[in-house]
Amino acid sequence: MEAVRLENNTLKLPERIAKRLRGKRIEVTEVKEGILLKTDTDPISEARGFLRGRRFTTQRYLEMKKLEKELE
């Protein structure tokens, strides 16, 4: 399994697929049915910023934990 970086027009793919994969690392695997292209995702990078815009801050988290301890 070799990971490669897909650059503009490196592979002849349908435009809608090429746009989604452009600049991402992908795994190229040969399977019985043909070739499988799978994005090589880093779970940490994918999760980064998922709370942005939800007004969830470290301060609010600490306040919630303090309240939980008081209720115990």
C-alpha atoms as a PDB file:
ATOM      1  CA  MET A   1       0.000   0.000   0.000  1.00  0.00           C
ATOM      2  CA  GLU A   2       1.699   3.176  -1.190  1.00  0.00           C
ATOM      3  CA  ALA A   3       0.445   6.667  -0.333  1.00  0.00           C
ATOM      4  CA  VAL A   4       0.871   9.375  -2.952  1.00  0.00           C
ATOM      5  CA  ARG A   5      -0.110  13.032  -3.175  1.00  0.00           C
ATOM      6  CA  LEU A   6      -2.586  13.796  -5.936  1.00  0.00           C
ATOM      7  CA  GLU A   7      -1.618  16.965  -7.802  1.00  0.00           C
ATOM      8  CA  ASN A   8      -3.517  18.853 -10.507  1.00  0.00           C
ATOM      9  CA  ASN A   9      -4.111  16.614 -13.537  1.00  0.00           C
ATOM     10  CA  THR A  10      -1.759  13.873 -12.280  1.00  0.00           C
ATOM     11  CA  LEU A  11      -4.430  11.233 -12.858  1.00  0.00           C
ATOM     12  CA  LYS A  12      -7.290  11.361 -15.322  1.00  0.00           C
ATOM     13  CA  LEU A  13     -10.220  11.316 -12.916  1.00  0.00           C
ATOM     14  CA  PRO A  14     -13.690  12.817 -13.242  1.00  0.00           C
ATOM     15  CA  GLU A  15     -13.487  16.487 -12.295  1.00  0.00           C
ATOM     16  CA  ARG A  16     -15.794  16.221  -9.262  1.00  0.00           C
ATOM     17  CA  ILE A  17     -13.641  13.431  -7.794  1.00  0.00           C
ATOM     18  CA  ALA A  18     -10.350  15.150  -8.649  1.00  0.00           C
ATOM     19  CA  LYS A  19     -11.529  18.333  -6.860  1.00  0.00           C
ATOM     20  CA  ARG A  20     -12.276  16.367  -3.684  1.00  0.00           C
ATOM     21  CA  LEU A  21      -8.889  14.598  -3.709  1.00  0.00           C
ATOM     22  CA  ARG A  22      -6.650  17.430  -4.939  1.00  0.00           C
ATOM     23  CA  GLY A  23      -3.848  18.128  -2.448  1.00  0.00           C
ATOM     24  CA  LYS A  24      -4.755  15.213  -0.180  1.00  0.00           C
ATOM     25  CA  ARG A  25      -2.750  12.084   0.553  1.00  0.00           C
ATOM     26  CA  ILE A  26      -4.379   8.987  -0.875  1.00  0.00           C
ATOM     27  CA  GLU A  27      -3.696   5.277  -0.575  1.00  0.00           C
ATOM     28  CA  VAL A  28      -3.588   3.375  -3.863  1.00  0.00           C
ATOM     29  CA  THR A  29      -4.475  -0.287  -3.419  1.00  0.00           C
ATOM     30  CA  GLU A  30      -4.943  -2.965  -6.042  1.00  0.00           C
ATOM     31  CA  VAL A  31      -8.003  -5.109  -5.300  1.00  0.00           C
ATOM     32  CA  LYS A  32      -9.682  -7.929  -7.179  1.00  0.00           C
ATOM     33  CA  GLU A  33     -12.142  -5.524  -8.847  1.00  0.00           C
ATOM     34  CA  GLY A  34      -9.485  -2.987  -9.891  1.00  0.00           C
ATOM     35  CA  ILE A  35      -7.717  -0.101  -8.116  1.00  0.00           C
ATOM     36  CA  LEU A  36      -8.999   1.461  -4.899  1.00  0.00           C
ATOM     37  CA  LEU A  37      -8.222   5.109  -4.093  1.00  0.00           C
ATOM     38  CA  LYS A  38      -8.717   5.844  -0.398  1.00  0.00           C
ATOM     39  CA  THR A  39      -7.889   9.072   1.425  1.00  0.00           C
ATOM     40  CA  ASP A  40      -5.151   8.668   4.005  1.00  0.00           C
ATOM     41  CA  THR A  41      -6.730  10.618   6.857  1.00  0.00           C
ATOM     42  CA  ASP A  42      -5.100  11.696  10.078  1.00  0.00           C
ATOM     43  CA  PRO A  43      -7.770  11.588  12.813  1.00  0.00           C
ATOM     44  CA  ILE A  44      -6.081  14.383  14.771  1.00  0.00           C
ATOM     45  CA  SER A  45      -6.012  16.698  11.759  1.00  0.00           C
ATOM     46  CA  GLU A  46      -9.611  15.828  10.914  1.00  0.00           C
ATOM     47  CA  ALA A  47     -10.817  16.664  14.453  1.00  0.00           C
ATOM     48  CA  ARG A  48      -8.908  19.935  14.697  1.00  0.00           C
ATOM     49  CA  GLY A  49     -11.273  22.880  15.073  1.00  0.00           C
ATOM     50  CA  PHE A  50     -14.498  20.852  15.281  1.00  0.00           C
ATOM     51  CA  LEU A  51     -15.673  22.920  18.267  1.00  0.00           C
ATOM     52  CA  ARG A  52     -14.942  26.259  16.587  1.00  0.00           C
ATOM     53  CA  GLY A  53     -17.996  28.499  16.510  1.00  0.00           C
ATOM     54  CA  ARG A  54     -19.863  26.571  19.196  1.00  0.00           C
ATOM     55  CA  ARG A  55     -18.920  28.922  22.032  1.00  0.00           C
ATOM     56  CA  PHE A  56     -17.195  26.048  23.849  1.00  0.00           C
ATOM     57  CA  THR A  57     -14.095  27.358  25.587  1.00  0.00           C
ATOM     58  CA  THR A  58     -11.608  25.977  28.073  1.00  0.00           C
ATOM     59  CA  GLN A  59     -13.014  28.368  30.660  1.00  0.00           C
ATOM     60  CA  ARG A  60     -16.550  27.061  30.127  1.00  0.00           C
ATOM     61  CA  TYR A  61     -15.296  23.464  30.334  1.00  0.00           C
ATOM     62  CA  LEU A  62     -13.542  24.139  33.655  1.00  0.00           C
ATOM     63  CA  GLU A  63     -16.689  25.758  35.036  1.00  0.00           C
ATOM     64  CA  MET A  64     -18.739  22.701  34.029  1.00  0.00           C
ATOM     65  CA  LYS A  65     -16.244  20.352  35.712  1.00  0.00           C
ATOM     66  CA  LYS A  66     -16.295  22.474  38.879  1.00  0.00           C
ATOM     67  CA  LEU A  67     -20.094  22.308  38.936  1.00  0.00           C
ATOM     68  CA  GLU A  68     -19.986  18.512  38.474  1.00  0.00           C
ATOM     69  CA  LYS A  69     -17.648  18.143  41.458  1.00  0.00           C
ATOM     70  CA  GLU A  70     -19.927  20.287  43.608  1.00  0.00           C
ATOM     71  CA  LEU A  71     -22.895  18.069  42.740  1.00  0.00           C
ATOM     72  CA  GLU A  72     -21.084  14.851  43.761  1.00  0.00           C
END
